[in-house]
Amino acid sequence: MSKLRRPFLSGRYFLITVRLLKRRAKLTDPDFRLLARAFNRARAMHPFYLTAWVFLPDHWHVICAPVYPTTISLVIKSVKQSSMSAVNQQRGTEGELWQSRFFDRALRTVHEYNEKVEYLHLNPVKAGLVCRPQDWRWSSFNEYSGMSAEEQ
């Protein structure tokens, strides 16, 4: 079966979900740091806006918009490859880290965008990792709420 082609939609924000392979150990704080660095490297090579994000032990979500000619596929491929290499090196392992496919949803309205930002920020609470979204360090929630690093 051929791979699904994603159309380029300039100026459109997407909710992206990437899942860890089931056989891989859950992500921890050191892995999350490497994932954050992978996003910074990807943004330096392929321009895109990253407006909301959350990293969880078995998956991550971001809301982002590619800047032409960058595509969502190019951004996610870059992040997945860079983070896989860094995490494998840190853990002394090798092989794939992420599921080969990722899930994307084009956000068509401001209301839908705001709903997905809230969904993303509540994800650690729903997963039972924390009681309040501001208690999960690996999320953009505190940036949205205006909390400084010291207040976190």
N, C-alpha and C. Protein backbone atom coordinates (compact mmCIF):
# COMPACT_ATOMS: atom_id res chain seq x y z
N MET A 1 0.85 -1.16 0.00
CA MET A 1 0.00 0.00 0.00
C MET A 1 0.90 1.24 0.00
N SER A 2 0.57 2.22 -0.81
CA SER A 2 1.38 3.42 -0.87
C SER A 2 1.14 4.29 0.36
N LYS A 3 2.11 5.15 0.62
CA LYS A 3 1.98 6.05 1.77
C LYS A 3 0.97 7.15 1.46
N LEU A 4 0.24 7.53 2.48
CA LEU A 4 -0.71 8.63 2.36
C LEU A 4 0.05 9.93 2.16
N ARG A 5 -0.31 10.67 1.13
CA ARG A 5 0.31 11.97 0.88
C ARG A 5 -0.50 13.05 1.59
N ARG A 6 0.20 13.91 2.28
CA ARG A 6 -0.47 15.01 2.97
C ARG A 6 -0.35 16.25 2.10
N PRO A 7 -1.47 16.90 1.81
CA PRO A 7 -1.40 18.11 0.99
C PRO A 7 -0.76 19.25 1.76
N PHE A 8 -0.10 20.15 1.05
CA PHE A 8 0.46 21.32 1.71
C PHE A 8 -0.62 22.37 1.84
N LEU A 9 -0.86 22.80 3.06
CA LEU A 9 -1.85 23.84 3.34
C LEU A 9 -1.13 24.98 4.04
N SER A 10 -0.80 26.01 3.30
CA SER A 10 -0.06 27.14 3.84
C SER A 10 -0.89 27.90 4.86
N GLY A 11 -0.25 28.29 5.95
CA GLY A 11 -0.93 29.09 6.96
C GLY A 11 -1.91 28.32 7.83
N ARG A 12 -1.97 27.02 7.70
CA ARG A 12 -2.90 26.20 8.46
C ARG A 12 -2.18 25.59 9.66
N TYR A 13 -2.84 25.61 10.79
CA TYR A 13 -2.31 24.97 11.99
C TYR A 13 -2.81 23.53 12.05
N PHE A 14 -1.94 22.66 12.56
CA PHE A 14 -2.25 21.24 12.67
C PHE A 14 -2.02 20.77 14.10
N LEU A 15 -2.89 19.87 14.55
CA LEU A 15 -2.64 19.11 15.77
C LEU A 15 -1.95 17.83 15.31
N ILE A 16 -0.77 17.59 15.83
CA ILE A 16 0.02 16.41 15.46
C ILE A 16 0.15 15.50 16.67
N THR A 17 0.01 14.20 16.45
CA THR A 17 0.23 13.20 17.49
C THR A 17 1.25 12.19 16.98
N VAL A 18 2.27 11.94 17.78
CA VAL A 18 3.28 10.93 17.46
C VAL A 18 3.36 9.99 18.66
N ARG A 19 3.31 8.69 18.37
CA ARG A 19 3.31 7.67 19.43
C ARG A 19 4.63 6.89 19.45
N LEU A 20 5.03 6.54 20.66
CA LEU A 20 6.19 5.69 20.89
C LEU A 20 5.85 4.26 20.45
N LEU A 21 6.82 3.54 19.92
CA LEU A 21 6.60 2.13 19.62
C LEU A 21 6.30 1.39 20.92
N LYS A 22 5.39 0.44 20.87
CA LYS A 22 4.96 -0.27 22.09
C LYS A 22 6.10 -0.99 22.81
N ARG A 23 7.05 -1.49 22.06
CA ARG A 23 8.13 -2.27 22.69
C ARG A 23 9.22 -1.41 23.31
N ARG A 24 9.17 -0.11 23.13
CA ARG A 24 10.20 0.78 23.66
C ARG A 24 9.85 1.25 25.07
N ALA A 25 10.89 1.45 25.89
CA ALA A 25 10.70 1.95 27.25
C ALA A 25 10.09 3.35 27.20
N LYS A 26 9.24 3.63 28.16
CA LYS A 26 8.57 4.94 28.23
C LYS A 26 9.60 6.07 28.30
N LEU A 27 9.20 7.22 27.80
CA LEU A 27 10.07 8.40 27.84
C LEU A 27 10.11 8.98 29.25
N THR A 28 11.26 9.52 29.61
CA THR A 28 11.47 10.14 30.92
C THR A 28 12.02 11.55 30.71
N ASP A 29 12.27 12.25 31.81
CA ASP A 29 12.75 13.64 31.72
C ASP A 29 13.96 13.81 30.79
N PRO A 30 15.00 12.99 30.90
CA PRO A 30 16.13 13.18 29.98
C PRO A 30 15.72 13.03 28.50
N ASP A 31 14.80 12.11 28.23
CA ASP A 31 14.31 11.93 26.86
C ASP A 31 13.51 13.15 26.41
N PHE A 32 12.70 13.70 27.31
CA PHE A 32 11.91 14.89 26.97
C PHE A 32 12.83 16.06 26.62
N ARG A 33 13.95 16.19 27.34
CA ARG A 33 14.91 17.26 27.03
C ARG A 33 15.45 17.09 25.61
N LEU A 34 15.77 15.86 25.26
CA LEU A 34 16.29 15.58 23.92
C LEU A 34 15.22 15.84 22.86
N LEU A 35 13.98 15.52 23.16
CA LEU A 35 12.89 15.78 22.22
C LEU A 35 12.72 17.29 22.01
N ALA A 36 12.81 18.06 23.09
CA ALA A 36 12.73 19.53 22.97
C ALA A 36 13.86 20.06 22.09
N ARG A 37 15.06 19.53 22.27
CA ARG A 37 16.19 19.95 21.43
C ARG A 37 15.96 19.56 19.97
N ALA A 38 15.35 18.41 19.75
CA ALA A 38 15.06 17.98 18.38
C ALA A 38 14.11 18.96 17.70
N PHE A 39 13.14 19.48 18.45
CA PHE A 39 12.25 20.50 17.88
C PHE A 39 13.02 21.77 17.54
N ASN A 40 13.93 22.17 18.40
CA ASN A 40 14.72 23.37 18.12
C ASN A 40 15.59 23.19 16.89
N ARG A 41 16.20 22.02 16.74
CA ARG A 41 17.01 21.74 15.55
C ARG A 41 16.15 21.73 14.30
N ALA A 42 14.99 21.09 14.39
CA ALA A 42 14.10 21.03 13.22
C ALA A 42 13.66 22.43 12.80
N ARG A 43 13.35 23.26 13.77
CA ARG A 43 12.89 24.62 13.46
C ARG A 43 14.00 25.44 12.81
N ALA A 44 15.25 25.18 13.18
CA ALA A 44 16.38 25.89 12.57
C ALA A 44 16.55 25.50 11.10
N MET A 45 16.20 24.26 10.76
CA MET A 45 16.36 23.78 9.38
C MET A 45 15.11 23.98 8.53
N HIS A 46 13.96 23.83 9.14
CA HIS A 46 12.68 23.86 8.43
C HIS A 46 11.75 24.81 9.18
N PRO A 47 11.53 26.00 8.69
CA PRO A 47 10.73 26.96 9.46
C PRO A 47 9.29 26.52 9.68
N PHE A 48 8.86 26.63 10.94
CA PHE A 48 7.47 26.36 11.29
C PHE A 48 7.16 27.05 12.61
N TYR A 49 5.89 27.32 12.82
CA TYR A 49 5.43 27.89 14.08
C TYR A 49 5.01 26.75 15.00
N LEU A 50 5.48 26.77 16.23
CA LEU A 50 5.09 25.80 17.25
C LEU A 50 4.35 26.59 18.32
N THR A 51 3.05 26.37 18.43
CA THR A 51 2.24 27.22 19.31
C THR A 51 1.77 26.54 20.58
N ALA A 52 1.75 25.22 20.61
CA ALA A 52 1.37 24.48 21.82
C ALA A 52 1.98 23.09 21.72
N TRP A 53 2.30 22.51 22.88
CA TRP A 53 2.94 21.20 22.87
C TRP A 53 2.78 20.52 24.22
N VAL A 54 2.89 19.20 24.20
CA VAL A 54 2.96 18.40 25.42
C VAL A 54 3.69 17.11 25.09
N PHE A 55 4.62 16.72 25.97
CA PHE A 55 5.35 15.46 25.84
C PHE A 55 4.89 14.56 26.97
N LEU A 56 4.50 13.33 26.63
CA LEU A 56 4.04 12.34 27.61
C LEU A 56 4.91 11.09 27.48
N PRO A 57 4.85 10.18 28.46
CA PRO A 57 5.74 9.01 28.42
C PRO A 57 5.60 8.13 27.18
N ASP A 58 4.42 8.09 26.56
CA ASP A 58 4.24 7.20 25.41
C ASP A 58 3.83 7.91 24.12
N HIS A 59 3.70 9.23 24.14
CA HIS A 59 3.37 9.97 22.93
C HIS A 59 3.56 11.46 23.16
N TRP A 60 3.46 12.23 22.08
CA TRP A 60 3.49 13.68 22.21
C TRP A 60 2.53 14.31 21.21
N HIS A 61 2.09 15.50 21.58
CA HIS A 61 1.22 16.30 20.72
C HIS A 61 1.87 17.67 20.54
N VAL A 62 1.71 18.22 19.36
CA VAL A 62 2.09 19.61 19.12
C VAL A 62 1.03 20.25 18.23
N ILE A 63 0.92 21.55 18.33
CA ILE A 63 0.15 22.32 17.36
C ILE A 63 1.17 23.19 16.65
N CYS A 64 1.25 23.01 15.34
CA CYS A 64 2.24 23.75 14.58
C CYS A 64 1.72 24.10 13.20
N ALA A 65 2.40 25.05 12.58
CA ALA A 65 2.06 25.48 11.22
C ALA A 65 3.36 25.61 10.43
N PRO A 66 3.48 24.88 9.33
CA PRO A 66 4.68 25.00 8.51
C PRO A 66 4.70 26.34 7.77
N VAL A 67 5.90 26.82 7.53
CA VAL A 67 6.10 28.03 6.72
C VAL A 67 6.60 27.57 5.36
N TYR A 68 5.94 27.97 4.31
CA TYR A 68 6.29 27.54 2.95
C TYR A 68 7.77 27.74 2.69
N PRO A 69 8.47 26.76 2.14
CA PRO A 69 8.00 25.53 1.53
C PRO A 69 8.03 24.32 2.46
N THR A 70 8.22 24.54 3.74
CA THR A 70 8.23 23.45 4.71
C THR A 70 6.86 22.78 4.77
N THR A 71 6.87 21.46 4.94
CA THR A 71 5.62 20.70 5.09
C THR A 71 5.59 20.06 6.47
N ILE A 72 4.40 19.69 6.90
CA ILE A 72 4.25 18.99 8.18
C ILE A 72 5.07 17.70 8.17
N SER A 73 5.02 16.97 7.07
CA SER A 73 5.77 15.71 6.99
C SER A 73 7.26 15.94 7.18
N LEU A 74 7.79 16.99 6.59
CA LEU A 74 9.21 17.30 6.73
C LEU A 74 9.57 17.64 8.17
N VAL A 75 8.74 18.43 8.83
CA VAL A 75 8.98 18.80 10.23
C VAL A 75 8.98 17.56 11.11
N ILE A 76 7.94 16.74 10.99
CA ILE A 76 7.82 15.58 11.87
C ILE A 76 8.92 14.56 11.59
N LYS A 77 9.25 14.36 10.33
CA LYS A 77 10.35 13.45 9.99
C LYS A 77 11.65 13.91 10.64
N SER A 78 11.92 15.20 10.57
CA SER A 78 13.14 15.75 11.15
C SER A 78 13.16 15.56 12.67
N VAL A 79 12.05 15.86 13.33
CA VAL A 79 11.97 15.72 14.80
C VAL A 79 12.12 14.25 15.19
N LYS A 80 11.43 13.37 14.50
CA LYS A 80 11.48 11.95 14.85
C LYS A 80 12.89 11.38 14.66
N GLN A 81 13.54 11.72 13.55
CA GLN A 81 14.89 11.19 13.30
C GLN A 81 15.89 11.72 14.31
N SER A 82 15.85 13.02 14.55
CA SER A 82 16.80 13.64 15.48
C SER A 82 16.60 13.12 16.90
N SER A 83 15.35 13.04 17.34
CA SER A 83 15.09 12.58 18.71
C SER A 83 15.40 11.09 18.86
N MET A 84 15.11 10.29 17.84
CA MET A 84 15.42 8.86 17.89
C MET A 84 16.92 8.65 18.06
N SER A 85 17.70 9.36 17.27
CA SER A 85 19.15 9.23 17.35
C SER A 85 19.67 9.64 18.73
N ALA A 86 19.18 10.77 19.24
CA ALA A 86 19.65 11.27 20.54
C ALA A 86 19.23 10.35 21.69
N VAL A 87 17.98 9.90 21.68
CA VAL A 87 17.48 9.02 22.75
C VAL A 87 18.22 7.68 22.70
N ASN A 88 18.40 7.12 21.51
CA ASN A 88 19.14 5.86 21.40
C ASN A 88 20.56 6.00 21.93
N GLN A 89 21.21 7.10 21.58
CA GLN A 89 22.58 7.32 22.06
C GLN A 89 22.60 7.44 23.58
N GLN A 90 21.67 8.18 24.14
CA GLN A 90 21.61 8.37 25.59
C GLN A 90 21.33 7.05 26.32
N ARG A 91 20.45 6.23 25.75
CA ARG A 91 20.06 4.97 26.40
C ARG A 91 20.99 3.81 26.08
N GLY A 92 21.85 3.98 25.08
CA GLY A 92 22.69 2.88 24.64
C GLY A 92 21.90 1.82 23.89
N THR A 93 20.87 2.27 23.17
CA THR A 93 20.03 1.35 22.40
C THR A 93 20.11 1.73 20.92
N GLU A 94 19.42 0.97 20.10
CA GLU A 94 19.34 1.31 18.68
C GLU A 94 17.98 0.91 18.15
N GLY A 95 17.68 1.37 16.96
CA GLY A 95 16.41 1.02 16.32
C GLY A 95 15.39 2.13 16.42
N GLU A 96 14.26 1.86 15.80
CA GLU A 96 13.17 2.84 15.75
C GLU A 96 12.65 3.16 17.15
N LEU A 97 12.23 4.38 17.33
CA LEU A 97 11.67 4.83 18.60
C LEU A 97 10.17 5.11 18.45
N TRP A 98 9.81 5.70 17.32
CA TRP A 98 8.44 6.16 17.09
C TRP A 98 7.71 5.26 16.11
N GLN A 99 6.39 5.22 16.23
CA GLN A 99 5.59 4.55 15.21
C GLN A 99 5.84 5.26 13.88
N SER A 100 5.79 4.50 12.80
CA SER A 100 6.16 5.08 11.50
C SER A 100 5.20 6.17 11.05
N ARG A 101 3.94 6.04 11.38
CA ARG A 101 2.95 7.04 10.97
C ARG A 101 2.73 8.04 12.09
N PHE A 102 2.27 9.22 11.71
CA PHE A 102 1.83 10.18 12.71
C PHE A 102 0.43 10.62 12.33
N PHE A 103 -0.27 11.18 13.29
CA PHE A 103 -1.65 11.61 13.07
C PHE A 103 -1.68 13.13 13.01
N ASP A 104 -2.38 13.65 12.03
CA ASP A 104 -2.51 15.10 11.93
C ASP A 104 -3.96 15.48 11.72
N ARG A 105 -4.29 16.63 12.24
CA ARG A 105 -5.64 17.17 12.07
C ARG A 105 -5.50 18.66 11.79
N ALA A 106 -5.99 19.08 10.63
CA ALA A 106 -5.98 20.50 10.30
C ALA A 106 -7.01 21.21 11.16
N LEU A 107 -6.60 22.30 11.78
CA LEU A 107 -7.49 23.07 12.65
C LEU A 107 -8.09 24.20 11.82
N ARG A 108 -9.40 24.14 11.63
CA ARG A 108 -10.06 25.01 10.65
C ARG A 108 -10.64 26.30 11.22
N THR A 109 -10.85 26.35 12.53
CA THR A 109 -11.44 27.54 13.13
C THR A 109 -10.68 27.91 14.40
N VAL A 110 -10.85 29.12 14.85
CA VAL A 110 -10.23 29.56 16.11
C VAL A 110 -10.80 28.73 17.26
N HIS A 111 -12.09 28.44 17.22
CA HIS A 111 -12.71 27.63 18.26
C HIS A 111 -12.07 26.24 18.32
N GLU A 112 -11.89 25.61 17.17
CA GLU A 112 -11.27 24.29 17.13
C GLU A 112 -9.82 24.36 17.63
N TYR A 113 -9.10 25.39 17.23
CA TYR A 113 -7.73 25.59 17.70
C TYR A 113 -7.70 25.67 19.23
N ASN A 114 -8.55 26.51 19.80
CA ASN A 114 -8.59 26.67 21.26
C ASN A 114 -8.98 25.38 21.97
N GLU A 115 -9.92 24.63 21.40
CA GLU A 115 -10.31 23.33 21.97
C GLU A 115 -9.11 22.39 22.03
N LYS A 116 -8.34 22.35 20.95
CA LYS A 116 -7.21 21.42 20.88
C LYS A 116 -6.07 21.85 21.81
N VAL A 117 -5.87 23.15 21.98
CA VAL A 117 -4.87 23.61 22.95
C VAL A 117 -5.27 23.14 24.35
N GLU A 118 -6.54 23.30 24.69
CA GLU A 118 -7.01 22.85 26.01
C GLU A 118 -6.87 21.33 26.15
N TYR A 119 -7.26 20.58 25.12
CA TYR A 119 -7.12 19.12 25.12
C TYR A 119 -5.67 18.72 25.38
N LEU A 120 -4.79 19.35 24.66
CA LEU A 120 -3.37 19.05 24.76
C LEU A 120 -2.85 19.32 26.18
N HIS A 121 -3.22 20.46 26.74
CA HIS A 121 -2.74 20.83 28.08
C HIS A 121 -3.35 19.97 29.18
N LEU A 122 -4.54 19.43 28.96
CA LEU A 122 -5.17 18.57 29.96
C LEU A 122 -4.73 17.11 29.85
N ASN A 123 -4.01 16.77 28.80
CA ASN A 123 -3.59 15.39 28.57
C ASN A 123 -2.83 14.77 29.75
N PRO A 124 -1.88 15.45 30.38
CA PRO A 124 -1.18 14.84 31.52
C PRO A 124 -2.11 14.58 32.71
N VAL A 125 -3.13 15.40 32.88
CA VAL A 125 -4.11 15.19 33.95
C VAL A 125 -4.95 13.96 33.63
N LYS A 126 -5.45 13.87 32.41
CA LYS A 126 -6.27 12.72 32.00
C LYS A 126 -5.48 11.42 32.07
N ALA A 127 -4.17 11.50 31.84
CA ALA A 127 -3.32 10.31 31.90
C ALA A 127 -2.95 9.94 33.33
N GLY A 128 -3.35 10.76 34.31
CA GLY A 128 -3.06 10.47 35.71
C GLY A 128 -1.63 10.80 36.12
N LEU A 129 -0.94 11.60 35.34
CA LEU A 129 0.45 11.93 35.65
C LEU A 129 0.55 13.06 36.68
N VAL A 130 -0.42 13.96 36.67
CA VAL A 130 -0.47 15.10 37.60
C VAL A 130 -1.94 15.40 37.89
N CYS A 131 -2.17 16.21 38.92
CA CYS A 131 -3.55 16.62 39.25
C CYS A 131 -3.96 17.90 38.55
N ARG A 132 -2.98 18.74 38.23
CA ARG A 132 -3.26 20.02 37.58
C ARG A 132 -2.33 20.18 36.38
N PRO A 133 -2.80 20.76 35.29
CA PRO A 133 -1.94 20.89 34.11
C PRO A 133 -0.66 21.68 34.36
N GLN A 134 -0.71 22.65 35.25
CA GLN A 134 0.49 23.45 35.52
C GLN A 134 1.58 22.66 36.23
N ASP A 135 1.25 21.48 36.74
CA ASP A 135 2.23 20.65 37.42
C ASP A 135 3.04 19.77 36.46
N TRP A 136 2.64 19.70 35.20
CA TRP A 136 3.38 18.90 34.21
C TRP A 136 4.37 19.81 33.52
N ARG A 137 5.63 19.57 33.75
CA ARG A 137 6.69 20.43 33.23
C ARG A 137 6.80 20.40 31.71
N TRP A 138 6.46 19.28 31.11
CA TRP A 138 6.72 19.07 29.68
C TRP A 138 5.50 19.44 28.84
N SER A 139 5.09 20.68 28.98
CA SER A 139 3.91 21.19 28.29
C SER A 139 4.05 22.70 28.15
N SER A 140 3.34 23.25 27.20
CA SER A 140 3.32 24.70 27.01
C SER A 140 2.28 25.38 27.90
N PHE A 141 1.63 24.63 28.79
CA PHE A 141 0.57 25.21 29.61
C PHE A 141 1.03 26.46 30.36
N ASN A 142 2.18 26.39 31.01
CA ASN A 142 2.63 27.52 31.82
C ASN A 142 2.99 28.73 30.95
N GLU A 143 3.41 28.50 29.72
CA GLU A 143 3.63 29.61 28.79
C GLU A 143 2.29 30.29 28.49
N TYR A 144 1.25 29.50 28.31
CA TYR A 144 -0.08 30.04 28.03
C TYR A 144 -0.64 30.79 29.22
N SER A 145 -0.36 30.30 30.41
CA SER A 145 -0.92 30.93 31.61
C SER A 145 -0.09 32.10 32.11
N GLY A 146 1.08 32.32 31.49
CA GLY A 146 1.93 33.44 31.86
C GLY A 146 2.80 33.21 33.07
N MET A 147 2.95 31.95 33.49
CA MET A 147 3.79 31.65 34.66
C MET A 147 5.26 31.66 34.25
N SER A 148 6.10 32.20 35.10
CA SER A 148 7.54 32.20 34.86
C SER A 148 8.12 30.86 35.30
N ALA A 149 9.36 30.61 34.91
CA ALA A 149 10.04 29.37 35.31
C ALA A 149 10.13 29.26 36.82
N GLU A 150 10.32 30.39 37.51
CA GLU A 150 10.43 30.37 38.97
C GLU A 150 9.09 30.00 39.62
N GLU A 151 7.99 30.44 39.01
CA GLU A 151 6.67 30.16 39.57
C GLU A 151 6.24 28.71 39.34
N GLN A 152 6.85 28.07 38.36
CA GLN A 152 6.48 26.70 38.05
C GLN A 152 6.97 25.79 39.15
